[in-house]
């Protein structure tokens, strides 16, 4: 990265007046009127800029199958400045992720899987012996800058005959480590009500718009009481699209009821990135534009909302003095086919396209 670099003639989703951003040594040093800053740079005419996109739910361990991918493939190459790995690693392998993070351009945080084996197999909570509080607590102490929460996948295929007991153990571990939970929901048992009643303020429900039988809305499209109670307690709603966890119909129910996503995320990994239905964070964001959310709402769900949950507001703003974490993107007019996890396809008339990203002052085109 050159010592001084200028992004020119950009606008935000809040204000169409264009401006320049000057970066020096990785930091934003000046925000000026359009085309007034001197120095080498990039002409962003026609593009929007936001703080760097944050994807709250990815799987970023390349060697894992099926739920794995390379950090920068799902990060900076897609315009995403910061990714949060959602429990790919338990205590046994979190050190391997830390080593990969040190070599990557993308910012990375992680939820530690409460199973010490992580996603080395996909029924990682089928044996309670794999939940080792001492190992988990040691990992949290060893990697405090990486681990920002605990992940528990609470659906039938993962817990097998253990029901909600893994989540009860996760709740105890959360108390011991002072870290919140991200809880994957899906097919039951356990019943979704038993899952929700164990969640507290700042815990995250991911896959909240899934179309499975055990979902959060009744047949008439109304939220189940346990969901409205959880929201009232301050539980955070995350999309976590994934291969099997986003339904246009359920998303339309949620919008009609005013139950908006706190964060929009992908649950991206190699298979659903290459073959769909996820493809990219921009693709998932475009689905929310299609659903009728405003551009400002959609962008906020991958910037300041995510940064606020992380307790790192500097990642969700554009401000002189902050490290430069930015995403440049376009909103294109024209038809685009969008497919949910149920195989239903809708045709949008506009879509979001990532064009560039800045991480720690380094500019990368997408």
Protein backbone atom coordinates (compact mmCIF):
# COMPACT_ATOMS: atom_id res chain seq x y z
CA UNK A 1 0.00 0.00 0.00
CA UNK A 2 1.27 3.41 -0.93
CA UNK A 3 1.79 5.73 2.00
CA UNK A 4 -0.98 8.03 0.70
CA UNK A 5 -3.96 6.76 -1.28
CA UNK A 6 -7.11 8.62 -2.31
CA UNK A 7 -10.56 7.22 -3.04
CA UNK A 8 -12.28 9.83 -5.19
CA UNK A 9 -15.81 10.91 -5.99
CA UNK A 10 -17.71 8.46 -3.78
CA UNK A 11 -21.08 8.83 -2.07
CA UNK A 12 -22.79 7.15 0.86
CA UNK A 13 -26.27 5.64 0.99
CA UNK A 14 -27.22 8.48 3.37
CA UNK A 15 -25.96 11.39 1.27
CA UNK A 16 -25.52 11.59 -2.49
CA UNK A 17 -23.05 14.47 -2.28
CA UNK A 18 -19.74 13.00 -3.52
CA UNK A 19 -16.51 13.26 -1.56
CA UNK A 20 -12.92 12.02 -1.38
CA UNK A 21 -11.35 9.85 1.32
CA UNK A 22 -7.62 10.20 1.96
CA UNK A 23 -5.80 7.29 3.61
CA UNK A 24 -2.26 7.36 4.94
CA UNK A 25 -0.40 4.49 6.60
CA UNK A 26 -3.61 2.53 7.00
CA UNK A 27 -5.71 5.31 8.56
CA UNK A 28 -8.31 7.75 7.26
CA UNK A 29 -6.63 11.14 7.51
CA UNK A 30 -8.98 13.39 5.54
CA UNK A 31 -12.49 13.50 4.08
CA UNK A 32 -12.81 16.30 1.52
CA UNK A 33 -15.02 17.57 -1.28
CA UNK A 34 -15.03 15.40 -4.39
CA UNK A 35 -11.98 15.56 -6.64
CA UNK A 36 -10.07 17.95 -4.37
CA UNK A 37 -7.60 15.57 -2.67
CA UNK A 38 -4.18 15.16 -4.21
CA UNK A 39 -2.30 11.91 -4.64
CA UNK A 40 -2.54 8.56 -6.39
CA UNK A 41 -5.78 6.72 -5.95
CA UNK A 42 -8.97 5.22 -7.37
CA UNK A 43 -11.81 6.98 -9.16
CA UNK A 44 -15.06 5.80 -7.60
CA UNK A 45 -17.44 7.81 -9.76
CA UNK A 46 -20.89 6.23 -9.60
CA UNK A 47 -20.05 4.04 -6.61
CA UNK A 48 -21.20 4.01 -3.02
CA UNK A 49 -18.85 3.66 -0.09
CA UNK A 50 -19.68 2.29 3.34
CA UNK A 51 -17.64 1.16 6.28
CA UNK A 52 -16.23 -2.27 5.47
CA UNK A 53 -18.88 -4.95 5.17
CA UNK A 54 -19.00 -7.45 8.04
CA UNK A 55 -20.30 -10.98 7.48
CA UNK A 56 -21.39 -12.34 10.86
CA UNK A 57 -21.61 -15.99 9.80
CA UNK A 58 -19.10 -17.72 7.53
CA UNK A 59 -17.04 -20.92 7.49
CA UNK A 60 -13.44 -20.00 6.81
CA UNK A 61 -11.33 -23.12 7.37
CA UNK A 62 -10.32 -24.25 3.88
CA UNK A 63 -9.60 -27.89 4.70
CA UNK A 64 -13.00 -28.66 6.20
CA UNK A 65 -15.65 -30.46 4.15
CA UNK A 66 -18.37 -29.70 3.46
CA UNK A 67 -18.39 -26.53 5.57
CA UNK A 68 -15.11 -24.84 4.66
CA UNK A 69 -13.55 -22.19 2.43
CA UNK A 70 -10.49 -19.95 2.20
CA UNK A 71 -10.59 -16.75 4.24
CA UNK A 72 -9.89 -14.25 1.49
CA UNK A 73 -12.14 -16.05 -1.04
CA UNK A 74 -15.14 -15.19 1.14
CA UNK A 75 -13.62 -11.99 2.52
CA UNK A 76 -11.81 -9.30 0.58
CA UNK A 77 -12.33 -10.91 -2.83
CA UNK A 78 -16.08 -10.41 -2.30
CA UNK A 79 -15.80 -6.91 -0.88
CA UNK A 80 -16.11 -8.08 2.73
CA UNK A 81 -13.63 -6.44 5.11
CA UNK A 82 -14.42 -8.51 8.21
CA UNK A 83 -15.70 -12.06 8.56
CA UNK A 84 -16.75 -13.96 11.66
CA UNK A 85 -16.17 -17.69 11.47
CA UNK A 86 -19.22 -19.32 13.03
CA UNK A 87 -17.91 -22.28 14.95
CA UNK A 88 -15.81 -24.12 12.39
CA UNK A 89 -13.27 -24.74 15.14
CA UNK A 90 -13.52 -26.01 18.65
CA UNK A 91 -10.72 -25.90 21.18
CA UNK A 92 -8.76 -28.61 19.34
CA UNK A 93 -8.24 -26.59 16.15
CA UNK A 94 -8.79 -22.92 16.94
CA UNK A 95 -5.02 -22.44 16.90
CA UNK A 96 -4.92 -23.55 13.26
CA UNK A 97 -7.48 -20.89 12.37
CA UNK A 98 -5.45 -18.28 14.26
CA UNK A 99 -2.42 -19.16 12.14
CA UNK A 100 -4.43 -18.78 8.93
CA UNK A 101 -5.84 -15.44 10.09
CA UNK A 102 -2.30 -14.11 10.54
CA UNK A 103 -1.64 -14.75 6.83
CA UNK A 104 -4.93 -13.36 5.50
CA UNK A 105 -5.82 -9.87 4.28
CA UNK A 106 -9.38 -10.06 5.62
CA UNK A 107 -10.14 -9.16 9.24
CA UNK A 108 -11.32 -12.27 11.09
CA UNK A 109 -13.07 -13.01 14.37
CA UNK A 110 -14.51 -16.34 15.45
CA UNK A 111 -17.17 -18.05 17.48
CA UNK A 112 -15.63 -21.02 19.27
CA UNK A 113 -17.62 -24.21 18.76
CA UNK A 114 -18.63 -25.56 22.18
CA UNK A 115 -17.68 -29.02 20.89
CA UNK A 116 -13.89 -29.28 21.12
CA UNK A 117 -13.81 -31.20 17.82
CA UNK A 118 -15.60 -28.40 15.93
CA UNK A 119 -16.75 -29.23 12.41
CA UNK A 120 -14.32 -32.08 11.92
CA UNK A 121 -17.64 -33.94 11.76
CA UNK A 122 -21.12 -32.51 11.33
CA UNK A 123 -22.76 -34.16 14.35
CA UNK A 124 -20.32 -32.51 16.73
CA UNK A 125 -22.83 -32.31 19.60
CA UNK A 126 -24.06 -35.90 19.34
CA UNK A 127 -21.74 -36.88 22.21
CA UNK A 128 -21.77 -34.75 25.34
CA UNK A 129 -18.21 -35.90 26.00
CA UNK A 130 -17.10 -33.57 23.21
CA UNK A 131 -18.22 -30.56 25.27
CA UNK A 132 -15.20 -29.89 27.48
CA UNK A 133 -15.58 -26.67 29.50
CA UNK A 134 -11.93 -26.61 30.58
CA UNK A 135 -10.62 -26.91 27.03
CA UNK A 136 -13.01 -24.22 25.84
CA UNK A 137 -12.11 -21.81 28.63
CA UNK A 138 -8.41 -22.30 27.93
CA UNK A 139 -8.94 -21.56 24.23
CA UNK A 140 -10.81 -18.36 25.07
CA UNK A 141 -7.94 -17.22 27.29
CA UNK A 142 -5.34 -18.16 24.66
CA UNK A 143 -7.01 -16.31 21.75
CA UNK A 144 -8.83 -13.32 23.28
CA UNK A 145 -8.43 -11.17 20.17
CA UNK A 146 -9.94 -13.83 17.90
CA UNK A 147 -12.77 -15.44 19.87
CA UNK A 148 -15.79 -13.17 20.33
CA UNK A 149 -18.45 -15.72 21.26
CA UNK A 150 -19.48 -19.36 21.51
CA UNK A 151 -21.31 -21.36 18.82
CA UNK A 152 -23.83 -24.13 19.40
CA UNK A 153 -25.60 -25.83 16.49
CA UNK A 154 -28.88 -26.98 18.01
CA UNK A 155 -30.74 -29.03 15.43
CA UNK A 156 -31.58 -32.73 15.19
CA UNK A 157 -28.80 -33.66 12.77
CA UNK A 158 -26.16 -32.19 15.08
CA UNK A 159 -27.36 -33.06 18.59
CA UNK A 160 -28.93 -36.45 17.67
CA UNK A 161 -30.58 -37.76 20.86
CA UNK A 162 -29.20 -35.09 23.19
CA UNK A 163 -32.06 -32.64 22.69
CA UNK A 164 -31.48 -29.24 24.25
CA UNK A 165 -28.84 -30.47 26.75
CA UNK A 166 -25.87 -29.20 24.66
CA UNK A 167 -27.39 -25.73 24.79
CA UNK A 168 -27.79 -25.93 28.56
CA UNK A 169 -24.09 -26.75 28.77
CA UNK A 170 -23.33 -23.88 26.35
CA UNK A 171 -25.28 -21.53 28.62
CA UNK A 172 -23.07 -22.54 31.57
CA UNK A 173 -19.95 -22.07 29.46
CA UNK A 174 -21.18 -18.65 28.41
CA UNK A 175 -21.44 -17.69 32.07
CA UNK A 176 -17.96 -19.02 32.78
CA UNK A 177 -16.30 -17.18 29.87
CA UNK A 178 -18.53 -14.06 29.80
CA UNK A 179 -19.07 -14.63 26.07
CA UNK A 180 -22.43 -14.58 24.25
CA UNK A 181 -23.85 -17.49 22.28
CA UNK A 182 -24.58 -17.81 18.59
CA UNK A 183 -27.17 -20.57 18.25
CA UNK A 184 -27.90 -22.31 14.96
CA UNK A 185 -31.56 -23.32 14.73
CA UNK A 186 -33.01 -25.89 12.37
CA UNK A 187 -34.96 -29.12 12.36
CA UNK A 188 -36.27 -30.46 15.65
CA UNK A 189 -36.21 -31.97 18.10
CA UNK A 190 -35.46 -30.09 20.26
CA UNK A 191 -38.55 -27.91 19.83
CA UNK A 192 -37.66 -24.35 18.95
CA UNK A 193 -39.39 -23.04 22.10
CA UNK A 194 -36.95 -24.98 24.30
CA UNK A 195 -34.06 -23.41 22.43
CA UNK A 196 -35.33 -19.84 22.63
CA UNK A 197 -36.07 -19.89 26.34
CA UNK A 198 -32.35 -20.44 27.06
CA UNK A 199 -31.22 -17.36 25.13
CA UNK A 200 -30.33 -14.06 26.77
CA UNK A 201 -29.57 -10.48 25.75
CA UNK A 202 -26.89 -10.27 23.04
CA UNK A 203 -27.10 -13.97 22.21
CA UNK A 204 -27.64 -14.54 18.49
CA UNK A 205 -30.22 -16.68 16.72
CA UNK A 206 -28.76 -17.47 13.32
CA UNK A 207 -30.91 -18.92 10.47
CA UNK A 208 -33.92 -17.06 11.85
CA UNK A 209 -35.60 -17.02 8.41
CA UNK A 210 -35.30 -20.75 7.72
CA UNK A 211 -38.28 -22.54 6.21
CA UNK A 212 -38.07 -25.80 8.17
CA UNK A 213 -40.97 -27.18 10.18
CA UNK A 214 -39.34 -26.11 13.45
CA UNK A 215 -39.16 -22.43 12.44
CA UNK A 216 -40.08 -19.20 14.21
CA UNK A 217 -43.38 -18.40 12.46
CA UNK A 218 -46.70 -20.19 12.50
CA UNK A 219 -48.65 -21.34 9.45
CA UNK A 220 -50.37 -17.97 9.28
CA UNK A 221 -47.10 -16.09 9.16
CA UNK A 222 -47.23 -14.82 12.74
CA UNK A 223 -44.16 -15.04 15.03
CA UNK A 224 -44.41 -17.68 17.71
CA UNK A 225 -44.66 -16.18 21.22
CA UNK A 226 -41.23 -17.51 22.19
CA UNK A 227 -39.68 -15.41 19.40
CA UNK A 228 -41.33 -12.15 20.45
CA UNK A 229 -40.30 -12.84 24.04
CA UNK A 230 -36.69 -13.47 22.96
CA UNK A 231 -36.62 -10.24 20.95
CA UNK A 232 -37.93 -8.36 23.97
CA UNK A 233 -35.03 -9.80 26.02
CA UNK A 234 -32.54 -8.39 23.50
CA UNK A 235 -31.74 -11.54 21.53
CA UNK A 236 -30.11 -10.65 18.18
CA UNK A 237 -31.53 -11.93 14.87
CA UNK A 238 -29.02 -12.99 12.22
CA UNK A 239 -29.88 -14.24 8.73
CA UNK A 240 -27.22 -16.94 8.17
CA UNK A 241 -28.63 -17.75 4.69
CA UNK A 242 -26.70 -20.95 3.97
CA UNK A 243 -27.63 -23.86 1.76
CA UNK A 244 -30.77 -24.76 3.73
CA UNK A 245 -31.65 -21.86 6.01
CA UNK A 246 -33.30 -18.98 4.12
CA UNK A 247 -36.87 -18.97 2.81
CA UNK A 248 -38.35 -16.10 0.81
CA UNK A 249 -41.78 -16.99 2.23
CA UNK A 250 -40.60 -16.84 5.85
CA UNK A 251 -38.65 -13.65 5.11
CA UNK A 252 -41.87 -12.11 3.77
CA UNK A 253 -43.69 -13.20 6.94
CA UNK A 254 -40.99 -11.55 9.04
CA UNK A 255 -41.08 -8.30 7.08
CA UNK A 256 -44.86 -8.12 7.26
CA UNK A 257 -44.61 -8.50 11.05
CA UNK A 258 -41.82 -5.90 11.36
CA UNK A 259 -39.29 -8.48 12.53
CA UNK A 260 -36.21 -7.17 10.78
CA UNK A 261 -32.77 -8.76 10.70
CA UNK A 262 -30.28 -7.22 13.08
CA UNK A 263 -27.53 -8.53 10.82
CA UNK A 264 -27.50 -9.99 7.30
CA UNK A 265 -25.00 -12.83 6.91
CA UNK A 266 -24.28 -15.61 4.47
CA UNK A 267 -23.29 -18.88 6.19
CA UNK A 268 -21.04 -19.12 3.16
CA UNK A 269 -18.66 -21.96 2.38
CA UNK A 270 -17.14 -23.39 -0.78
CA UNK A 271 -20.16 -25.33 -2.03
CA UNK A 272 -22.81 -22.63 -1.67
CA UNK A 273 -20.39 -19.93 -2.85
CA UNK A 274 -19.61 -21.69 -6.12
CA UNK A 275 -22.91 -23.46 -6.79
CA UNK A 276 -25.34 -21.25 -4.87
CA UNK A 277 -27.77 -20.36 -3.54
CA UNK A 278 -25.57 -17.99 -1.49
CA UNK A 279 -22.78 -16.93 -3.88
CA UNK A 280 -21.75 -13.83 -1.91
CA UNK A 281 -22.74 -11.34 0.76
CA UNK A 282 -23.76 -8.94 -2.02
CA UNK A 283 -26.15 -11.57 -3.37
CA UNK A 284 -27.77 -12.06 0.04
CA UNK A 285 -28.03 -8.29 0.54
CA UNK A 286 -29.73 -8.05 -2.86
CA UNK A 287 -32.42 -10.45 -1.64
CA UNK A 288 -33.32 -7.99 1.10
CA UNK A 289 -33.53 -5.15 -1.41
CA UNK A 290 -35.90 -7.37 -3.38
CA UNK A 291 -37.97 -7.98 -0.22
CA UNK A 292 -38.52 -4.23 0.08
CA UNK A 293 -35.96 -3.19 2.67
CA UNK A 294 -34.33 0.15 1.97
CA UNK A 295 -30.73 0.36 0.82
CA UNK A 296 -29.79 2.14 4.06
CA UNK A 297 -31.33 -0.68 6.14
CA UNK A 298 -29.56 -3.36 4.15
CA UNK A 299 -26.16 -1.69 4.37
CA UNK A 300 -26.60 -0.98 8.10
CA UNK A 301 -27.19 -4.71 8.67
CA UNK A 302 -23.68 -5.51 7.39
CA UNK A 303 -21.90 -2.47 8.85
CA UNK A 304 -22.85 -0.52 11.95
CA UNK A 305 -25.29 -3.11 13.35
CA UNK A 306 -22.64 -5.82 13.16
CA UNK A 307 -19.94 -3.51 14.48
CA UNK A 308 -22.14 -2.53 17.43
CA UNK A 309 -22.75 -6.17 18.34
CA UNK A 310 -18.98 -6.78 18.18
CA UNK A 311 -18.39 -3.81 20.48
CA UNK A 312 -16.12 -2.29 17.82
CA UNK A 313 -17.98 0.80 16.58
CA UNK A 314 -14.93 1.92 14.62
CA UNK A 315 -15.61 -0.94 12.16
CA UNK A 316 -19.03 0.51 11.41
CA UNK A 317 -18.22 4.11 10.56
CA UNK A 318 -16.16 6.31 8.22
CA UNK A 319 -14.26 8.76 10.39
CA UNK A 320 -10.96 10.61 10.32
CA UNK A 321 -8.50 8.97 12.70
CA UNK A 322 -9.91 5.44 12.35
CA UNK A 323 -8.16 2.56 10.62
CA UNK A 324 -9.46 2.43 7.05
CA UNK A 325 -12.01 -0.38 6.62
CA UNK A 326 -14.27 0.41 3.66
CA UNK A 327 -16.36 -1.27 0.97
CA UNK A 328 -17.05 0.25 -2.46
CA UNK A 329 -20.16 -1.03 -4.23
CA UNK A 330 -22.67 -0.30 -6.96
CA UNK A 331 -26.42 -0.73 -7.11
CA UNK A 332 -27.14 -2.00 -10.60
CA UNK A 333 -30.49 -1.63 -12.33
CA UNK A 334 -31.66 -4.64 -14.29
CA UNK A 335 -33.00 -8.16 -13.81
CA UNK A 336 -31.19 -10.61 -11.55
CA UNK A 337 -32.30 -14.10 -10.59
CA UNK A 338 -32.19 -14.74 -6.83
CA UNK A 339 -32.75 -18.19 -5.31
CA UNK A 340 -33.53 -19.09 -1.71
CA UNK A 341 -32.65 -22.27 0.18
CA UNK A 342 -35.98 -23.87 -0.77
CA UNK A 343 -35.16 -23.63 -4.48
CA UNK A 344 -37.60 -20.78 -5.07
CA UNK A 345 -36.35 -18.17 -7.53
CA UNK A 346 -37.40 -14.52 -7.70
CA UNK A 347 -36.38 -11.93 -10.29
CA UNK A 348 -35.12 -8.68 -8.80
CA UNK A 349 -34.97 -5.45 -10.78
CA UNK A 350 -31.84 -4.19 -9.03
CA UNK A 351 -28.93 -5.73 -7.21
CA UNK A 352 -25.80 -4.91 -5.23
CA UNK A 353 -22.35 -5.50 -6.67
CA UNK A 354 -19.11 -5.20 -4.67
CA UNK A 355 -16.39 -3.28 -6.51
CA UNK A 356 -13.58 -2.78 -4.00
CA UNK A 357 -12.57 -3.10 -0.37
CA UNK A 358 -10.12 -1.42 1.96
CA UNK A 359 -8.74 -3.35 4.94
CA UNK A 360 -6.25 -1.62 7.23
CA UNK A 361 -5.67 0.95 4.49
CA UNK A 362 -4.95 -1.54 1.69
CA UNK A 363 -7.20 -1.19 -1.35
CA UNK A 364 -8.25 -4.33 -3.27
CA UNK A 365 -10.56 -4.38 -6.28
CA UNK A 366 -13.23 -7.09 -6.44
